[in-house]
Amino acid sequence: MATTIGVARLTLYLEGTFSLKDKRQIVRSLTQRMRNQFNAAIAETADLDDVRVATIVAVVVSNSAPHADEMLAAIIRFVEARVESGALGEVETELIPYGD
């Protein structure tokens, strides 16, 4: 059975953060809500020391490429609706076939 790994890389531009502590509080809250809502791996992976930018990656695994794509789209909509004091910037998605 084929497996599909879906990856979404989301760049958030945070306008209301003035310290790394503010940024980490916002990112931690958002990533925790994402984990609670979706069966996905979520991590902040880049721009860790930039107060105004956060890069979050979500990874899903499915036995169907369309299902993985739907899951990523739902995660992106969720983030877009819940970005606090900022805006969703670049979004990159990739579906990776794995196995047979």
PDB file of N, CA and C in Angstrom:
ATOM      1  N   MET A   1       0.852  -1.177   0.000  1.00  0.00           N
ATOM      2  CA  MET A   1       0.000   0.000   0.000  1.00  0.00           C
ATOM      3  C   MET A   1       0.898   1.241   0.000  1.00  0.00           C
ATOM      4  N   ALA A   2       0.574   2.178  -0.857  1.00  0.00           N
ATOM      5  CA  ALA A   2       1.343   3.413  -0.964  1.00  0.00           C
ATOM      6  C   ALA A   2       0.995   4.360   0.184  1.00  0.00           C
ATOM      7  N   THR A   3       1.968   5.110   0.567  1.00  0.00           N
ATOM      8  CA  THR A   3       1.801   6.111   1.619  1.00  0.00           C
ATOM      9  C   THR A   3       2.185   7.463   1.049  1.00  0.00           C
ATOM     10  N   THR A   4       1.465   8.501   1.473  1.00  0.00           N
ATOM     11  CA  THR A   4       1.800   9.858   1.057  1.00  0.00           C
ATOM     12  C   THR A   4       2.114  10.692   2.286  1.00  0.00           C
ATOM     13  N   ILE A   5       3.233  11.380   2.224  1.00  0.00           N
ATOM     14  CA  ILE A   5       3.626  12.306   3.284  1.00  0.00           C
ATOM     15  C   ILE A   5       3.351  13.709   2.761  1.00  0.00           C
ATOM     16  N   GLY A   6       2.561  14.448   3.506  1.00  0.00           N
ATOM     17  CA  GLY A   6       2.246  15.825   3.125  1.00  0.00           C
ATOM     18  C   GLY A   6       2.970  16.795   4.036  1.00  0.00           C
ATOM     19  N   VAL A   7       3.606  17.791   3.439  1.00  0.00           N
ATOM     20  CA  VAL A   7       4.370  18.782   4.201  1.00  0.00           C
ATOM     21  C   VAL A   7       3.885  20.179   3.829  1.00  0.00           C
ATOM     22  N   ALA A   8       3.586  20.985   4.824  1.00  0.00           N
ATOM     23  CA  ALA A   8       3.230  22.392   4.601  1.00  0.00           C
ATOM     24  C   ALA A   8       4.194  23.258   5.398  1.00  0.00           C
ATOM     25  N   ARG A   9       4.786  24.219   4.724  1.00  0.00           N
ATOM     26  CA  ARG A   9       5.696  25.177   5.377  1.00  0.00           C
ATOM     27  C   ARG A   9       5.013  26.538   5.344  1.00  0.00           C
ATOM     28  N   LEU A  10       4.728  27.077   6.519  1.00  0.00           N
ATOM     29  CA  LEU A  10       3.971  28.317   6.658  1.00  0.00           C
ATOM     30  C   LEU A  10       4.869  29.393   7.264  1.00  0.00           C
ATOM     31  N   THR A  11       4.917  30.540   6.613  1.00  0.00           N
ATOM     32  CA  THR A  11       5.660  31.669   7.153  1.00  0.00           C
ATOM     33  C   THR A  11       4.665  32.676   7.711  1.00  0.00           C
ATOM     34  N   LEU A  12       4.840  33.020   8.972  1.00  0.00           N
ATOM     35  CA  LEU A  12       3.970  33.987   9.637  1.00  0.00           C
ATOM     36  C   LEU A  12       4.746  35.271   9.870  1.00  0.00           C
ATOM     37  N   TYR A  13       4.123  36.388   9.528  1.00  0.00           N
ATOM     38  CA  TYR A  13       4.705  37.698   9.805  1.00  0.00           C
ATOM     39  C   TYR A  13       3.967  38.290  10.994  1.00  0.00           C
ATOM     40  N   LEU A  14       4.675  38.431  12.088  1.00  0.00           N
ATOM     41  CA  LEU A  14       4.078  38.866  13.349  1.00  0.00           C
ATOM     42  C   LEU A  14       4.324  40.353  13.542  1.00  0.00           C
ATOM     43  N   GLU A  15       3.253  41.109  13.655  1.00  0.00           N
ATOM     44  CA  GLU A  15       3.361  42.565  13.765  1.00  0.00           C
ATOM     45  C   GLU A  15       3.394  43.044  15.212  1.00  0.00           C
ATOM     46  N   GLY A  16       2.753  42.327  16.104  1.00  0.00           N
ATOM     47  CA  GLY A  16       2.617  42.807  17.465  1.00  0.00           C
ATOM     48  C   GLY A  16       3.625  42.238  18.433  1.00  0.00           C
ATOM     49  N   THR A  17       4.715  41.661  17.943  1.00  0.00           N
ATOM     50  CA  THR A  17       5.707  41.091  18.851  1.00  0.00           C
ATOM     51  C   THR A  17       6.927  42.009  18.934  1.00  0.00           C
ATOM     52  N   PHE A  18       7.387  42.200  20.164  1.00  0.00           N
ATOM     53  CA  PHE A  18       8.526  43.079  20.385  1.00  0.00           C
ATOM     54  C   PHE A  18       9.677  42.365  21.088  1.00  0.00           C
ATOM     55  N   SER A  19       9.438  41.103  21.447  1.00  0.00           N
ATOM     56  CA  SER A  19      10.501  40.327  22.083  1.00  0.00           C
ATOM     57  C   SER A  19      10.337  38.865  21.670  1.00  0.00           C
ATOM     58  N   LEU A  20      11.389  38.097  21.861  1.00  0.00           N
ATOM     59  CA  LEU A  20      11.313  36.668  21.560  1.00  0.00           C
ATOM     60  C   LEU A  20      10.315  35.973  22.483  1.00  0.00           C
ATOM     61  N   LYS A  21      10.183  36.492  23.694  1.00  0.00           N
ATOM     62  CA  LYS A  21       9.218  35.917  24.625  1.00  0.00           C
ATOM     63  C   LYS A  21       7.794  36.075  24.086  1.00  0.00           C
ATOM     64  N   ASP A  22       7.459  37.255  23.558  1.00  0.00           N
ATOM     65  CA  ASP A  22       6.138  37.481  22.947  1.00  0.00           C
ATOM     66  C   ASP A  22       5.922  36.530  21.775  1.00  0.00           C
ATOM     67  N   LYS A  23       6.928  36.440  20.917  1.00  0.00           N
ATOM     68  CA  LYS A  23       6.823  35.582  19.733  1.00  0.00           C
ATOM     69  C   LYS A  23       6.619  34.133  20.144  1.00  0.00           C
ATOM     70  N   ARG A  24       7.416  33.653  21.059  1.00  0.00           N
ATOM     71  CA  ARG A  24       7.327  32.239  21.464  1.00  0.00           C
ATOM     72  C   ARG A  24       5.983  31.922  22.094  1.00  0.00           C
ATOM     73  N   GLN A  25       5.417  32.874  22.815  1.00  0.00           N
ATOM     74  CA  GLN A  25       4.099  32.659  23.413  1.00  0.00           C
ATOM     75  C   GLN A  25       3.045  32.494  22.320  1.00  0.00           C
ATOM     76  N   ILE A  26       3.090  33.340  21.305  1.00  0.00           N
ATOM     77  CA  ILE A  26       2.133  33.260  20.199  1.00  0.00           C
ATOM     78  C   ILE A  26       2.321  31.970  19.413  1.00  0.00           C
ATOM     79  N   VAL A  27       3.566  31.656  19.084  1.00  0.00           N
ATOM     80  CA  VAL A  27       3.845  30.450  18.288  1.00  0.00           C
ATOM     81  C   VAL A  27       3.491  29.193  19.073  1.00  0.00           C
ATOM     82  N   ARG A  28       3.832  29.143  20.333  1.00  0.00           N
ATOM     83  CA  ARG A  28       3.524  27.976  21.163  1.00  0.00           C
ATOM     84  C   ARG A  28       2.020  27.764  21.265  1.00  0.00           C
ATOM     85  N   SER A  29       1.273  28.835  21.454  1.00  0.00           N
ATOM     86  CA  SER A  29      -0.178  28.739  21.533  1.00  0.00           C
ATOM     87  C   SER A  29      -0.768  28.221  20.221  1.00  0.00           C
ATOM     88  N   LEU A  30      -0.310  28.777  19.107  1.00  0.00           N
ATOM     89  CA  LEU A  30      -0.824  28.367  17.802  1.00  0.00           C
ATOM     90  C   LEU A  30      -0.465  26.919  17.495  1.00  0.00           C
ATOM     91  N   THR A  31       0.784  26.521  17.718  1.00  0.00           N
ATOM     92  CA  THR A  31       1.183  25.151  17.398  1.00  0.00           C
ATOM     93  C   THR A  31       0.462  24.140  18.292  1.00  0.00           C
ATOM     94  N   GLN A  32       0.212  24.502  19.538  1.00  0.00           N
ATOM     95  CA  GLN A  32      -0.519  23.591  20.422  1.00  0.00           C
ATOM     96  C   GLN A  32      -1.961  23.411  19.943  1.00  0.00           C
ATOM     97  N   ARG A  33      -2.614  24.497  19.526  1.00  0.00           N
ATOM     98  CA  ARG A  33      -3.969  24.400  18.987  1.00  0.00           C
ATOM     99  C   ARG A  33      -3.990  23.573  17.708  1.00  0.00           C
ATOM    100  N   MET A  34      -2.948  23.710  16.879  1.00  0.00           N
ATOM    101  CA  MET A  34      -2.857  22.903  15.657  1.00  0.00           C
ATOM    102  C   MET A  34      -2.732  21.424  15.995  1.00  0.00           C
ATOM    103  N   ARG A  35      -1.894  21.090  16.980  1.00  0.00           N
ATOM    104  CA  ARG A  35      -1.734  19.687  17.392  1.00  0.00           C
ATOM    105  C   ARG A  35      -3.035  19.133  17.951  1.00  0.00           C
ATOM    106  N   ASN A  36      -3.755  19.937  18.720  1.00  0.00           N
ATOM    107  CA  ASN A  36      -5.008  19.483  19.304  1.00  0.00           C
ATOM    108  C   ASN A  36      -6.089  19.260  18.250  1.00  0.00           C
ATOM    109  N   GLN A  37      -6.094  20.068  17.206  1.00  0.00           N
ATOM    110  CA  GLN A  37      -7.131  20.019  16.183  1.00  0.00           C
ATOM    111  C   GLN A  37      -6.871  18.935  15.131  1.00  0.00           C
ATOM    112  N   PHE A  38      -5.604  18.728  14.783  1.00  0.00           N
ATOM    113  CA  PHE A  38      -5.253  17.840  13.677  1.00  0.00           C
ATOM    114  C   PHE A  38      -4.298  16.756  14.153  1.00  0.00           C
ATOM    115  N   ASN A  39      -4.368  15.620  13.511  1.00  0.00           N
ATOM    116  CA  ASN A  39      -3.432  14.532  13.803  1.00  0.00           C
ATOM    117  C   ASN A  39      -2.205  14.750  12.927  1.00  0.00           C
ATOM    118  N   ALA A  40      -1.375  15.712  13.308  1.00  0.00           N
ATOM    119  CA  ALA A  40      -0.234  16.121  12.497  1.00  0.00           C
ATOM    120  C   ALA A  40       0.946  16.460  13.402  1.00  0.00           C
ATOM    121  N   ALA A  41       2.135  16.343  12.823  1.00  0.00           N
ATOM    122  CA  ALA A  41       3.339  16.791  13.517  1.00  0.00           C
ATOM    123  C   ALA A  41       3.537  18.264  13.185  1.00  0.00           C
ATOM    124  N   ILE A  42       3.747  19.090  14.197  1.00  0.00           N
ATOM    125  CA  ILE A  42       3.866  20.532  14.026  1.00  0.00           C
ATOM    126  C   ILE A  42       5.141  20.995  14.737  1.00  0.00           C
ATOM    127  N   ALA A  43       5.930  21.836  14.049  1.00  0.00           N
ATOM    128  CA  ALA A  43       7.145  22.363  14.674  1.00  0.00           C
ATOM    129  C   ALA A  43       7.510  23.709  14.068  1.00  0.00           C
ATOM    130  N   GLU A  44       8.085  24.567  14.900  1.00  0.00           N
ATOM    131  CA  GLU A  44       8.689  25.795  14.390  1.00  0.00           C
ATOM    132  C   GLU A  44      10.105  25.416  13.977  1.00  0.00           C
ATOM    133  N   THR A  45      10.454  25.686  12.709  1.00  0.00           N
ATOM    134  CA  THR A  45      11.701  25.140  12.179  1.00  0.00           C
ATOM    135  C   THR A  45      12.718  26.172  11.740  1.00  0.00           C
ATOM    136  N   ALA A  46      12.345  27.410  11.551  1.00  0.00           N
ATOM    137  CA  ALA A  46      13.293  28.414  11.069  1.00  0.00           C
ATOM    138  C   ALA A  46      12.928  29.764  11.669  1.00  0.00           C
ATOM    139  N   ASP A  47      13.800  30.724  11.476  1.00  0.00           N
ATOM    140  CA  ASP A  47      13.588  32.088  11.974  1.00  0.00           C
ATOM    141  C   ASP A  47      13.379  32.108  13.486  1.00  0.00           C
ATOM    142  N   LEU A  48      14.082  31.237  14.193  1.00  0.00           N
ATOM    143  CA  LEU A  48      13.870  31.111  15.631  1.00  0.00           C
ATOM    144  C   LEU A  48      14.264  32.368  16.407  1.00  0.00           C
ATOM    145  N   ASP A  49      15.216  33.104  15.911  1.00  0.00           N
ATOM    146  CA  ASP A  49      15.683  34.298  16.623  1.00  0.00           C
ATOM    147  C   ASP A  49      15.191  35.600  16.007  1.00  0.00           C
ATOM    148  N   ASP A  50      14.282  35.510  15.057  1.00  0.00           N
ATOM    149  CA  ASP A  50      13.700  36.699  14.425  1.00  0.00           C
ATOM    150  C   ASP A  50      12.367  36.993  15.108  1.00  0.00           C
ATOM    151  N   VAL A  51      12.260  38.157  15.705  1.00  0.00           N
ATOM    152  CA  VAL A  51      11.078  38.524  16.481  1.00  0.00           C
ATOM    153  C   VAL A  51       9.837  38.657  15.603  1.00  0.00           C
ATOM    154  N   ARG A  52      10.000  39.042  14.359  1.00  0.00           N
ATOM    155  CA  ARG A  52       8.866  39.362  13.487  1.00  0.00           C
ATOM    156  C   ARG A  52       8.434  38.239  12.549  1.00  0.00           C
ATOM    157  N   VAL A  53       9.194  37.140  12.471  1.00  0.00           N
ATOM    158  CA  VAL A  53       8.885  36.074  11.519  1.00  0.00           C
ATOM    159  C   VAL A  53       8.928  34.729  12.234  1.00  0.00           C
ATOM    160  N   ALA A  54       7.949  33.871  11.900  1.00  0.00           N
ATOM    161  CA  ALA A  54       7.935  32.501  12.408  1.00  0.00           C
ATOM    162  C   ALA A  54       7.676  31.567  11.237  1.00  0.00           C
ATOM    163  N   THR A  55       8.433  30.491  11.171  1.00  0.00           N
ATOM    164  CA  THR A  55       8.226  29.485  10.145  1.00  0.00           C
ATOM    165  C   THR A  55       7.804  28.200  10.830  1.00  0.00           C
ATOM    166  N   ILE A  56       6.611  27.743  10.477  1.00  0.00           N
ATOM    167  CA  ILE A  56       6.022  26.553  11.085  1.00  0.00           C
ATOM    168  C   ILE A  56       5.844  25.500   9.997  1.00  0.00           C
ATOM    169  N   VAL A  57       6.192  24.262  10.323  1.00  0.00           N
ATOM    170  CA  VAL A  57       6.018  23.156   9.391  1.00  0.00           C
ATOM    171  C   VAL A  57       5.027  22.167   9.988  1.00  0.00           C
ATOM    172  N   ALA A  58       4.082  21.730   9.138  1.00  0.00           N
ATOM    173  CA  ALA A  58       3.120  20.705   9.514  1.00  0.00           C
ATOM    174  C   ALA A  58       3.337  19.504   8.600  1.00  0.00           C
ATOM    175  N   VAL A  59       3.349  18.307   9.185  1.00  0.00           N
ATOM    176  CA  VAL A  59       3.541  17.084   8.413  1.00  0.00           C
ATOM    177  C   VAL A  59       2.409  16.127   8.729  1.00  0.00           C
ATOM    178  N   VAL A  60       1.808  15.578   7.646  1.00  0.00           N
ATOM    179  CA  VAL A  60       0.738  14.597   7.788  1.00  0.00           C
ATOM    180  C   VAL A  60       1.113  13.354   6.987  1.00  0.00           C
ATOM    181  N   VAL A  61       0.546  12.216   7.375  1.00  0.00           N
ATOM    182  CA  VAL A  61       0.770  10.962   6.663  1.00  0.00           C
ATOM    183  C   VAL A  61      -0.591  10.351   6.366  1.00  0.00           C
ATOM    184  N   SER A  62      -0.755   9.887   5.126  1.00  0.00           N
ATOM    185  CA  SER A  62      -2.024   9.300   4.712  1.00  0.00           C
ATOM    186  C   SER A  62      -1.762   8.208   3.681  1.00  0.00           C
ATOM    187  N   ASN A  63      -2.741   7.329   3.507  1.00  0.00           N
ATOM    188  CA  ASN A  63      -2.627   6.322   2.455  1.00  0.00           C
ATOM    189  C   ASN A  63      -3.224   6.825   1.146  1.00  0.00           C
ATOM    190  N   SER A  64      -3.625   8.105   1.110  1.00  0.00           N
ATOM    191  CA  SER A  64      -4.232   8.698  -0.071  1.00  0.00           C
ATOM    192  C   SER A  64      -3.671  10.108  -0.264  1.00  0.00           C
ATOM    193  N   ALA A  65      -3.145  10.380  -1.458  1.00  0.00           N
ATOM    194  CA  ALA A  65      -2.602  11.713  -1.746  1.00  0.00           C
ATOM    195  C   ALA A  65      -3.680  12.796  -1.658  1.00  0.00           C
ATOM    196  N   PRO A  66      -4.898  12.579  -2.200  1.00  0.00           N
ATOM    197  CA  PRO A  66      -5.929  13.621  -2.063  1.00  0.00           C
ATOM    198  C   PRO A  66      -6.290  13.896  -0.603  1.00  0.00           C
ATOM    199  N   HIS A  67      -6.294  12.857   0.226  1.00  0.00           N
ATOM    200  CA  HIS A  67      -6.601  13.053   1.644  1.00  0.00           C
ATOM    201  C   HIS A  67      -5.506  13.869   2.331  1.00  0.00           C
ATOM    202  N   ALA A  68      -4.240  13.559   2.033  1.00  0.00           N
ATOM    203  CA  ALA A  68      -3.132  14.330   2.605  1.00  0.00           C
ATOM    204  C   ALA A  68      -3.222  15.786   2.175  1.00  0.00           C
ATOM    205  N   ASP A  69      -3.564  16.020   0.901  1.00  0.00           N
ATOM    206  CA  ASP A  69      -3.708  17.385   0.396  1.00  0.00           C
ATOM    207  C   ASP A  69      -4.848  18.120   1.102  1.00  0.00           C
ATOM    208  N   GLU A  70      -5.968  17.433   1.341  1.00  0.00           N
ATOM    209  CA  GLU A  70      -7.097  18.028   2.067  1.00  0.00           C
ATOM    210  C   GLU A  70      -6.710  18.373   3.496  1.00  0.00           C
ATOM    211  N   MET A  71      -5.945  17.491   4.133  1.00  0.00           N
ATOM    212  CA  MET A  71      -5.507  17.742   5.507  1.00  0.00           C
ATOM    213  C   MET A  71      -4.624  18.993   5.568  1.00  0.00           C
ATOM    214  N   LEU A  72      -3.706  19.124   4.616  1.00  0.00           N
ATOM    215  CA  LEU A  72      -2.836  20.301   4.588  1.00  0.00           C
ATOM    216  C   LEU A  72      -3.641  21.571   4.346  1.00  0.00           C
ATOM    217  N   ALA A  73      -4.615  21.494   3.444  1.00  0.00           N
ATOM    218  CA  ALA A  73      -5.465  22.663   3.164  1.00  0.00           C
ATOM    219  C   ALA A  73      -6.235  23.075   4.417  1.00  0.00           C
ATOM    220  N   ALA A  74      -6.732  22.102   5.180  1.00  0.00           N
ATOM    221  CA  ALA A  74      -7.462  22.407   6.413  1.00  0.00           C
ATOM    222  C   ALA A  74      -6.536  23.058   7.450  1.00  0.00           C
ATOM    223  N   ILE A  75      -5.313  22.579   7.545  1.00  0.00           N
ATOM    224  CA  ILE A  75      -4.341  23.158   8.478  1.00  0.00           C
ATOM    225  C   ILE A  75      -4.035  24.604   8.087  1.00  0.00           C
ATOM    226  N   ILE A  76      -3.848  24.843   6.800  1.00  0.00           N
ATOM    227  CA  ILE A  76      -3.553  26.197   6.320  1.00  0.00           C
ATOM    228  C   ILE A  76      -4.713  27.137   6.615  1.00  0.00           C
ATOM    229  N   ARG A  77      -5.947  26.692   6.360  1.00  0.00           N
ATOM    230  CA  ARG A  77      -7.124  27.525   6.678  1.00  0.00           C
ATOM    231  C   ARG A  77      -7.197  27.814   8.169  1.00  0.00           C
ATOM    232  N   PHE A  78      -6.922  26.813   8.986  1.00  0.00           N
ATOM    233  CA  PHE A  78      -6.940  26.961  10.439  1.00  0.00           C
ATOM    234  C   PHE A  78      -5.951  28.033  10.882  1.00  0.00           C
ATOM    235  N   VAL A  79      -4.724  27.973  10.364  1.00  0.00           N
ATOM    236  CA  VAL A  79      -3.691  28.948  10.742  1.00  0.00           C
ATOM    237  C   VAL A  79      -4.081  30.338  10.264  1.00  0.00           C
ATOM    238  N   GLU A  80      -4.551  30.425   9.022  1.00  0.00           N
ATOM    239  CA  GLU A  80      -4.933  31.723   8.456  1.00  0.00           C
ATOM    240  C   GLU A  80      -6.007  32.413   9.292  1.00  0.00           C
ATOM    241  N   ALA A  81      -6.932  31.630   9.834  1.00  0.00           N
ATOM    242  CA  ALA A  81      -8.024  32.193  10.625  1.00  0.00           C
ATOM    243  C   ALA A  81      -7.600  32.554  12.045  1.00  0.00           C
ATOM    244  N   ARG A  82      -6.449  32.030  12.498  1.00  0.00           N
ATOM    245  CA  ARG A  82      -6.069  32.205  13.898  1.00  0.00           C
ATOM    246  C   ARG A  82      -4.738  32.903  14.140  1.00  0.00           C
ATOM    247  N   VAL A  83      -4.153  33.470  13.131  1.00  0.00           N
ATOM    248  CA  VAL A  83      -2.889  34.180  13.339  1.00  0.00           C
ATOM    249  C   VAL A  83      -3.176  35.418  14.177  1.00  0.00           C
ATOM    250  N   GLU A  84      -2.530  35.464  15.335  1.00  0.00           N
ATOM    251  CA  GLU A  84      -2.730  36.584  16.251  1.00  0.00           C
ATOM    252  C   GLU A  84      -1.701  37.672  15.952  1.00  0.00           C
ATOM    253  N   SER A  85      -2.161  38.871  15.846  1.00  0.00           N
ATOM    254  CA  SER A  85      -1.308  40.048  15.627  1.00  0.00           C
ATOM    255  C   SER A  85      -0.281  39.831  14.524  1.00  0.00           C
ATOM    256  N   GLY A  86      -0.763  39.375  13.385  1.00  0.00           N
ATOM    257  CA  GLY A  86       0.136  39.160  12.262  1.00  0.00           C
ATOM    258  C   GLY A  86      -0.617  38.672  11.045  1.00  0.00           C
ATOM    259  N   ALA A  87       0.129  38.143  10.091  1.00  0.00           N
ATOM    260  CA  ALA A  87      -0.473  37.675   8.848  1.00  0.00           C
ATOM    261  C   ALA A  87       0.264  36.442   8.350  1.00  0.00           C
ATOM    262  N   LEU A  88      -0.473  35.598   7.661  1.00  0.00           N
ATOM    263  CA  LEU A  88       0.116  34.438   7.020  1.00  0.00           C
ATOM    264  C   LEU A  88       0.800  34.902   5.742  1.00  0.00           C
ATOM    265  N   GLY A  89       2.053  34.556   5.587  1.00  0.00           N
ATOM    266  CA  GLY A  89       2.821  34.947   4.402  1.00  0.00           C
ATOM    267  C   GLY A  89       2.912  33.800   3.420  1.00  0.00           C
ATOM    268  N   GLU A  90       4.127  33.392   3.113  1.00  0.00           N
ATOM    269  CA  GLU A  90       4.340  32.328   2.145  1.00  0.00           C
ATOM    270  C   GLU A  90       3.842  30.988   2.673  1.00  0.00           C
ATOM    271  N   VAL A  91       3.266  30.216   1.765  1.00  0.00           N
ATOM    272  CA  VAL A  91       2.811  28.863   2.075  1.00  0.00           C
ATOM    273  C   VAL A  91       3.365  27.945   0.997  1.00  0.00           C
ATOM    274  N   GLU A  92       4.080  26.917   1.415  1.00  0.00           N
ATOM    275  CA  GLU A  92       4.601  25.918   0.487  1.00  0.00           C
ATOM    276  C   GLU A  92       4.080  24.562   0.920  1.00  0.00           C
ATOM    277  N   THR A  93       3.573  23.788  -0.040  1.00  0.00           N
ATOM    278  CA  THR A  93       3.127  22.439   0.269  1.00  0.00           C
ATOM    279  C   THR A  93       3.806  21.453  -0.667  1.00  0.00           C
ATOM    280  N   GLU A  94       3.972  20.242  -0.182  1.00  0.00           N
ATOM    281  CA  GLU A  94       4.559  19.195  -0.990  1.00  0.00           C
ATOM    282  C   GLU A  94       3.960  17.864  -0.566  1.00  0.00           C
ATOM    283  N   LEU A  95       3.640  17.033  -1.548  1.00  0.00           N
ATOM    284  CA  LEU A  95       3.169  15.678  -1.307  1.00  0.00           C
ATOM    285  C   LEU A  95       4.275  14.735  -1.763  1.00  0.00           C
ATOM    286  N   ILE A  96       4.707  13.875  -0.865  1.00  0.00           N
ATOM    287  CA  ILE A  96       5.826  12.981  -1.131  1.00  0.00           C
ATOM    288  C   ILE A  96       5.318  11.545  -1.112  1.00  0.00           C
ATOM    289  N   PRO A  97       5.334  10.852  -2.255  1.00  0.00           N
ATOM    290  CA  PRO A  97       4.950   9.438  -2.244  1.00  0.00           C
ATOM    291  C   PRO A  97       6.044   8.618  -1.560  1.00  0.00           C
ATOM    292  N   TYR A  98       5.624   7.656  -0.792  1.00  0.00           N
ATOM    293  CA  TYR A  98       6.575   6.841  -0.050  1.00  0.00           C
ATOM    294  C   TYR A  98       6.140   5.380  -0.153  1.00  0.00           C
ATOM    295  N   GLY A  99       7.040   4.510  -0.451  1.00  0.00           N
ATOM    296  CA  GLY A  99       6.732   3.080  -0.531  1.00  0.00           C
ATOM    297  C   GLY A  99       6.345   2.690  -1.936  1.00  0.00           C
ATOM    298  N   ASP A 100       5.517   1.656  -2.032  1.00  0.00           N
ATOM    299  CA  ASP A 100       5.122   1.086  -3.344  1.00  0.00           C
ATOM    300  C   ASP A 100       4.425   2.063  -4.204  1.00  0.00           C
TER     301      ASP A 100
END
